[in-house]
Amino acid sequence: MTTPRRNRSALALVGQRLLALPIILLAVAAFTFALAQLSPRDPVQSYATVQSPLSDQTAAEIEAAWGLDQPVHLQFWHWLSNLARGDFGNSRLLAGQPVLSEIGARLLPSAILIGVALLLVLIGGLVLGVTAAAFRDRWPDRIVRTLCYVNLAAPSFWLGLLGIWLFSVTLGWLPPGGMTDPRALDPPLVDLRHLVLPALTLAAAQHAWFTLYVRNTLLEVRRADYVQFAEASGVRRTVVLFRHALPNALLPFLTLTGAHLAELIGGAVLAETIFGWPGVGQLTVQAALAVDLPLLLAITLFGTVLVVLGNLTADLLYRVADPRVREPAP
């Protein structure tokens, strides 16, 4: 009898998020458009070089072709009108190619990088967090906390450059950038040796919060009555930790993962730029430097959809994992 009510509750949550999605996308697009207008870089002059500067007539013709000679509100309205017809526009940076095709070509490398980094965050943070909680105030706990605090204080770009200097320049163990070896005659889609440094750099920017969260939450759960009763009953510490404390401590993590997805996607922009990873993040930087507004808007909207859907998925999984929130309040 409770299944229909649970289904209705989940469907209501999905409906609310999907109804709010167009409003969120419109607000994000307007904000991105306004930031682009405030940029000191001229999108027309960004195509000029020192050797061949643009003449005033050529610059005026380019502005007219791109619609930059129109008022800002008309530019935005024309973009919205084209978007309503499914036309995201053409890239000014990439010789007028459709922006969706360019994003699609870069999507798989970014998905691989973010997926591997997320896996490293989950596994590494879980192992280190459980270890720190199991050896509270002893040397393993002190080492884990020190590493987390140092990681939180160190900028991710500094960690990436340090990794290149140590493992690529000094030791020569790993390549400093790219997705594959450009000298290979038949290169694979992704060379795992090229994936190590960018994935570790991206994961390092996020693992500290998860490690400390797992540690602190485990310590709080271990003070609960049912956990203390299990320990007093003679149940082994490992059984209490993994069977009783850890599952309950990780329930809120499902929601936190969705909340930190935006940070992981944002961190991919920096990691891809440092290591020359040919993904959407690197394309975002190139579009921003060239003030390629159609490409920037499409990337921003795509990232917004991913973040909203990621949070929605996390909330739905939380409802499945925790029976206390499955049913609506009477």
Protein backbone atom coordinates (compact mmCIF):
# COMPACT_ATOMS: atom_id res chain seq x y z
CA MET A 1 0.00 0.00 0.00
CA THR A 2 2.91 2.31 0.54
CA THR A 3 4.48 1.78 -2.87
CA PRO A 4 2.14 4.15 -4.77
CA ARG A 5 2.75 6.88 -2.20
CA ARG A 6 6.52 6.43 -2.53
CA ASN A 7 6.26 6.54 -6.31
CA ARG A 8 4.13 9.68 -6.18
CA SER A 9 6.65 11.33 -3.86
CA ALA A 10 9.55 10.53 -6.18
CA LEU A 11 7.59 11.63 -9.26
CA ALA A 12 6.67 14.89 -7.53
CA LEU A 13 10.35 15.54 -6.79
CA VAL A 14 11.30 14.84 -10.41
CA GLY A 15 8.46 17.04 -11.67
CA GLN A 16 9.47 19.96 -9.44
CA ARG A 17 13.09 19.83 -10.56
CA LEU A 18 12.22 19.53 -14.25
CA LEU A 19 9.74 22.41 -14.02
CA ALA A 20 12.39 24.58 -12.38
CA LEU A 21 15.05 23.61 -14.92
CA PRO A 22 13.97 26.06 -17.71
CA ILE A 23 13.94 28.96 -15.23
CA ILE A 24 17.41 28.02 -13.97
CA LEU A 25 18.74 27.72 -17.51
CA LEU A 26 17.28 31.10 -18.48
CA ALA A 27 18.85 32.78 -15.44
CA VAL A 28 22.23 31.13 -16.07
CA ALA A 29 22.15 32.11 -19.75
CA ALA A 30 21.28 35.74 -18.95
CA PHE A 31 24.05 35.92 -16.33
CA THR A 32 26.61 34.39 -18.72
CA PHE A 33 25.52 36.77 -21.48
CA ALA A 34 25.91 39.76 -19.15
CA LEU A 35 29.39 38.66 -18.05
CA ALA A 36 30.46 38.30 -21.67
CA GLN A 37 29.29 41.84 -22.40
CA LEU A 38 31.36 43.12 -19.47
CA SER A 39 34.50 41.36 -20.70
CA PRO A 40 37.30 43.75 -21.68
CA ARG A 41 38.21 41.50 -24.63
CA ASP A 42 36.77 42.39 -28.01
CA PRO A 43 35.50 39.23 -29.75
CA VAL A 44 36.24 40.73 -33.15
CA GLN A 45 39.74 41.93 -32.40
CA SER A 46 40.58 38.58 -30.77
CA TYR A 47 40.91 37.21 -34.30
CA ALA A 48 43.42 39.85 -35.30
CA THR A 49 47.15 39.27 -35.01
CA VAL A 50 50.10 41.61 -34.73
CA GLN A 51 51.16 40.72 -38.25
CA SER A 52 47.69 41.17 -39.79
CA PRO A 53 45.46 43.52 -37.79
CA LEU A 54 41.85 44.00 -38.83
CA SER A 55 40.87 47.13 -40.66
CA ASP A 56 37.90 49.16 -39.47
CA GLN A 57 35.83 48.05 -42.45
CA THR A 58 36.62 44.37 -41.88
CA ALA A 59 35.84 44.68 -38.17
CA ALA A 60 32.50 46.35 -38.97
CA GLU A 61 31.62 43.59 -41.44
CA ILE A 62 32.40 40.90 -38.85
CA GLU A 63 30.30 42.70 -36.23
CA ALA A 64 27.37 42.88 -38.65
CA ALA A 65 27.72 39.21 -39.58
CA TRP A 66 27.73 38.17 -35.91
CA GLY A 67 24.97 40.62 -34.94
CA LEU A 68 27.25 42.49 -32.54
CA ASP A 69 26.15 45.82 -34.00
CA GLN A 70 22.68 45.32 -32.47
CA PRO A 71 21.64 46.29 -28.94
CA VAL A 72 22.43 43.76 -26.22
CA HIS A 73 18.81 42.87 -25.50
CA LEU A 74 18.18 42.12 -29.18
CA GLN A 75 21.26 39.91 -29.34
CA PHE A 76 20.01 37.93 -26.38
CA TRP A 77 16.49 37.69 -27.80
CA HIS A 78 17.78 36.41 -31.15
CA TRP A 79 19.84 33.79 -29.33
CA LEU A 80 16.79 32.69 -27.33
CA SER A 81 14.68 32.52 -30.48
CA ASN A 82 17.22 30.30 -32.19
CA LEU A 83 17.53 28.16 -29.05
CA ALA A 84 13.76 27.59 -29.03
CA ARG A 85 14.15 26.09 -32.51
CA GLY A 86 16.97 23.85 -31.35
CA ASP A 87 19.71 25.97 -32.89
CA PHE A 88 22.56 26.63 -30.43
CA GLY A 89 24.47 28.66 -32.97
CA ASN A 90 27.87 28.35 -34.59
CA SER A 91 31.25 28.79 -32.98
CA ARG A 92 33.10 31.98 -33.82
CA LEU A 93 36.34 30.40 -32.62
CA LEU A 94 36.17 27.17 -34.61
CA ALA A 95 35.51 28.45 -38.13
CA GLY A 96 31.72 28.59 -37.79
CA GLN A 97 31.24 24.96 -36.77
CA PRO A 98 27.98 24.09 -34.92
CA VAL A 99 28.65 24.35 -31.20
CA LEU A 100 26.81 21.11 -30.39
CA SER A 101 29.08 19.08 -32.67
CA GLU A 102 32.18 20.63 -31.11
CA ILE A 103 30.96 19.95 -27.57
CA GLY A 104 30.00 16.41 -28.54
CA ALA A 105 33.49 15.76 -29.88
CA ARG A 106 35.00 16.85 -26.53
CA LEU A 107 32.41 15.23 -24.28
CA LEU A 108 33.86 11.71 -24.02
CA PRO A 109 37.37 12.79 -22.90
CA SER A 110 35.86 15.00 -20.19
CA ALA A 111 33.49 12.24 -19.07
CA ILE A 112 36.40 9.81 -18.76
CA LEU A 113 38.49 12.28 -16.76
CA ILE A 114 35.67 13.30 -14.40
CA GLY A 115 34.49 9.69 -13.97
CA VAL A 116 37.96 8.41 -13.04
CA ALA A 117 38.54 11.35 -10.71
CA LEU A 118 35.20 10.78 -8.99
CA LEU A 119 36.04 7.10 -8.55
CA LEU A 120 39.39 8.03 -6.99
CA VAL A 121 37.66 10.49 -4.65
CA LEU A 122 35.15 7.89 -3.48
CA ILE A 123 37.59 5.02 -3.00
CA GLY A 124 40.48 7.05 -1.61
CA GLY A 125 38.31 9.16 0.66
CA LEU A 126 36.45 6.14 1.96
CA VAL A 127 39.63 4.18 2.75
CA LEU A 128 41.40 7.12 4.38
CA GLY A 129 38.31 8.28 6.27
CA VAL A 130 37.60 4.83 7.71
CA THR A 131 41.27 4.42 8.61
CA ALA A 132 41.34 7.76 10.42
CA ALA A 133 38.16 6.97 12.35
CA ALA A 134 39.34 3.48 13.30
CA PHE A 135 42.63 4.86 14.69
CA ARG A 136 41.31 8.06 16.21
CA ASP A 137 44.02 10.32 17.68
CA ARG A 138 46.72 7.80 16.77
CA TRP A 139 49.43 8.20 14.13
CA PRO A 140 47.32 7.01 11.15
CA ASP A 141 44.63 9.53 12.06
CA ARG A 142 47.16 12.33 12.45
CA ILE A 143 48.76 11.54 9.08
CA VAL A 144 45.40 11.47 7.27
CA ARG A 145 44.24 14.74 8.82
CA THR A 146 47.54 16.45 8.06
CA LEU A 147 47.37 15.37 4.42
CA CYS A 148 43.79 16.64 4.17
CA TYR A 149 44.62 20.02 5.70
CA VAL A 150 47.62 20.45 3.41
CA ASN A 151 45.47 19.44 0.44
CA LEU A 152 42.77 21.96 1.37
CA ALA A 153 45.37 24.73 1.62
CA ALA A 154 47.22 23.90 -1.62
CA PRO A 155 45.74 25.26 -4.88
CA SER A 156 44.88 22.54 -7.38
CA PHE A 157 46.86 24.21 -10.18
CA TRP A 158 49.94 24.14 -7.94
CA LEU A 159 49.43 20.42 -7.30
CA GLY A 160 49.14 19.83 -11.05
CA LEU A 161 52.32 21.75 -11.84
CA LEU A 162 54.10 19.99 -8.98
CA GLY A 163 53.02 16.63 -10.40
CA ILE A 164 54.37 17.56 -13.84
CA TRP A 165 57.69 18.69 -12.38
CA LEU A 166 58.10 15.58 -10.20
CA PHE A 167 56.72 12.72 -12.27
CA SER A 168 57.32 14.05 -15.79
CA VAL A 169 60.34 16.36 -15.71
CA THR A 170 62.37 14.92 -12.81
CA LEU A 171 61.51 11.23 -12.76
CA GLY A 172 60.22 10.82 -16.31
CA TRP A 173 57.60 8.30 -15.25
CA LEU A 174 54.50 9.92 -16.75
CA PRO A 175 53.79 12.14 -19.76
CA PRO A 176 53.16 15.80 -18.93
CA GLY A 177 50.02 16.24 -21.02
CA GLY A 178 47.75 15.20 -23.83
CA MET A 179 45.44 12.22 -24.04
CA THR A 180 47.63 9.94 -26.13
CA ASP A 181 51.15 9.86 -27.53
CA PRO A 182 51.09 12.00 -30.72
CA ARG A 183 53.91 9.86 -32.17
CA ALA A 184 51.84 6.65 -32.02
CA LEU A 185 50.71 5.31 -35.39
CA ASP A 186 47.53 3.71 -34.00
CA PRO A 187 46.88 5.45 -30.66
CA PRO A 188 44.11 4.23 -28.33
CA LEU A 189 41.22 6.45 -27.37
CA VAL A 190 42.88 7.21 -24.02
CA ASP A 191 46.40 6.26 -22.96
CA LEU A 192 46.20 5.33 -19.27
CA ARG A 193 49.64 6.81 -18.61
CA HIS A 194 48.36 10.16 -19.87
CA LEU A 195 45.28 9.89 -17.64
CA VAL A 196 47.11 9.44 -14.32
CA LEU A 197 48.29 12.99 -13.61
CA PRO A 198 45.13 14.91 -14.65
CA ALA A 199 42.86 12.42 -12.84
CA LEU A 200 44.96 12.57 -9.65
CA THR A 201 45.07 16.38 -9.79
CA LEU A 202 41.31 16.64 -10.24
CA ALA A 203 40.66 14.07 -7.49
CA ALA A 204 43.10 15.79 -5.11
CA ALA A 205 40.99 18.94 -5.26
CA GLN A 206 37.97 17.07 -3.87
CA HIS A 207 39.13 14.11 -1.79
CA ALA A 208 39.92 16.05 1.42
CA TRP A 209 36.32 17.04 2.15
CA PHE A 210 35.11 13.46 1.63
CA THR A 211 37.86 11.96 3.78
CA LEU A 212 37.20 14.34 6.67
CA TYR A 213 33.46 13.93 6.26
CA VAL A 214 33.67 10.13 6.47
CA ARG A 215 35.97 10.34 9.49
CA ASN A 216 33.90 12.85 11.47
CA THR A 217 30.55 11.22 10.62
CA LEU A 218 31.84 7.78 11.60
CA LEU A 219 32.99 9.13 14.94
CA GLU A 220 29.56 10.66 15.54
CA VAL A 221 27.74 7.46 14.60
CA ARG A 222 29.99 5.41 16.87
CA ARG A 223 28.65 7.44 19.81
CA ALA A 224 25.08 6.36 18.98
CA ASP A 225 23.34 4.03 21.43
CA TYR A 226 22.96 1.11 19.05
CA VAL A 227 26.65 1.19 18.15
CA GLN A 228 27.75 1.39 21.77
CA PHE A 229 25.39 -1.48 22.61
CA ALA A 230 26.95 -3.58 19.85
CA GLU A 231 30.44 -2.84 21.15
CA ALA A 232 29.38 -3.61 24.72
CA SER A 233 27.92 -6.92 23.53
CA GLY A 234 31.36 -8.05 22.41
CA VAL A 235 30.93 -7.52 18.66
CA ARG A 236 34.28 -7.06 16.98
CA ARG A 237 35.32 -3.50 16.18
CA THR A 238 35.58 -4.16 12.43
CA VAL A 239 32.06 -5.63 12.36
CA VAL A 240 30.66 -2.65 14.28
CA LEU A 241 32.50 -0.22 12.03
CA PHE A 242 31.56 -1.69 8.64
CA ARG A 243 28.14 -3.25 9.35
CA HIS A 244 26.58 -0.79 11.78
CA ALA A 245 28.37 2.55 11.68
CA LEU A 246 29.54 3.00 8.07
CA PRO A 247 26.22 2.42 6.20
CA ASN A 248 24.43 5.01 8.33
CA ALA A 249 27.32 7.44 8.14
CA LEU A 250 27.35 7.36 4.34
CA LEU A 251 23.66 8.10 3.78
CA PRO A 252 24.05 11.90 3.61
CA PHE A 253 27.03 11.41 1.31
CA LEU A 254 24.67 10.66 -1.59
CA THR A 255 23.33 14.19 -1.43
CA LEU A 256 26.79 15.68 -0.87
CA THR A 257 28.09 13.93 -3.99
CA GLY A 258 25.48 15.68 -6.11
CA ALA A 259 26.28 19.00 -4.47
CA HIS A 260 30.02 18.62 -5.18
CA LEU A 261 29.47 17.57 -8.79
CA ALA A 262 29.56 21.22 -9.84
CA GLU A 263 32.95 21.66 -8.17
CA LEU A 264 34.26 18.56 -9.92
CA ILE A 265 33.08 19.85 -13.31
CA GLY A 266 34.61 23.26 -12.58
CA GLY A 267 37.87 21.65 -11.51
CA ALA A 268 38.00 19.76 -14.80
CA VAL A 269 38.40 23.10 -16.61
CA LEU A 270 41.63 23.78 -14.72
CA ALA A 271 42.94 20.22 -14.95
CA GLU A 272 42.31 19.98 -18.69
CA THR A 273 44.03 23.32 -19.26
CA ILE A 274 47.13 22.38 -17.27
CA PHE A 275 47.58 18.97 -18.88
CA GLY A 276 46.34 19.80 -22.38
CA TRP A 277 43.47 17.32 -22.04
CA PRO A 278 41.23 17.77 -25.12
CA GLY A 279 37.93 17.95 -23.28
CA VAL A 280 35.10 20.40 -22.76
CA GLY A 281 37.05 22.17 -20.01
CA GLN A 282 39.88 23.10 -22.33
CA LEU A 283 37.32 24.16 -24.93
CA THR A 284 35.69 26.41 -22.32
CA VAL A 285 38.94 28.27 -21.69
CA GLN A 286 39.52 28.73 -25.41
CA ALA A 287 35.97 30.03 -25.88
CA ALA A 288 36.33 32.43 -22.94
CA LEU A 289 39.62 33.87 -24.23
CA ALA A 290 38.06 34.41 -27.67
CA VAL A 291 34.73 35.63 -26.19
CA ASP A 292 32.99 33.00 -28.31
CA LEU A 293 29.57 33.67 -26.83
CA PRO A 294 27.54 30.95 -28.62
CA LEU A 295 30.04 28.30 -27.54
CA LEU A 296 30.25 29.65 -23.99
CA LEU A 297 26.48 29.73 -23.60
CA ALA A 298 26.08 26.17 -24.89
CA ILE A 299 28.80 24.83 -22.57
CA THR A 300 27.36 26.69 -19.58
CA LEU A 301 23.83 25.41 -20.21
CA PHE A 302 25.09 21.88 -20.71
CA GLY A 303 27.03 22.02 -17.43
CA THR A 304 23.98 23.41 -15.62
CA VAL A 305 21.83 20.54 -16.84
CA LEU A 306 24.42 18.03 -15.64
CA VAL A 307 24.56 19.62 -12.19
CA VAL A 308 20.75 19.72 -11.82
CA LEU A 309 20.37 16.11 -12.99
CA GLY A 310 23.24 15.03 -10.73
CA ASN A 311 21.58 16.57 -7.68
CA LEU A 312 18.25 15.03 -8.66
CA THR A 313 19.83 11.58 -9.01
CA ALA A 314 21.54 11.94 -5.63
CA ASP A 315 18.26 12.90 -3.94
CA LEU A 316 16.44 9.95 -5.52
CA LEU A 317 19.16 7.54 -4.43
CA TYR A 318 18.96 8.99 -0.93
CA ARG A 319 15.25 8.20 -0.85
CA VAL A 320 15.98 4.62 -1.90
CA ALA A 321 18.75 4.17 0.66
CA ASP A 322 17.03 5.82 3.64
CA PRO A 323 13.53 4.52 4.44
CA ARG A 324 12.84 7.52 6.67
CA VAL A 325 12.43 9.81 3.65
CA ARG A 326 10.69 7.43 1.28
CA GLU A 327 7.16 8.34 2.27
CA PRO A 328 5.65 11.82 2.32
CA ALA A 329 4.66 13.28 5.65
CA PRO A 330 1.08 12.44 6.67
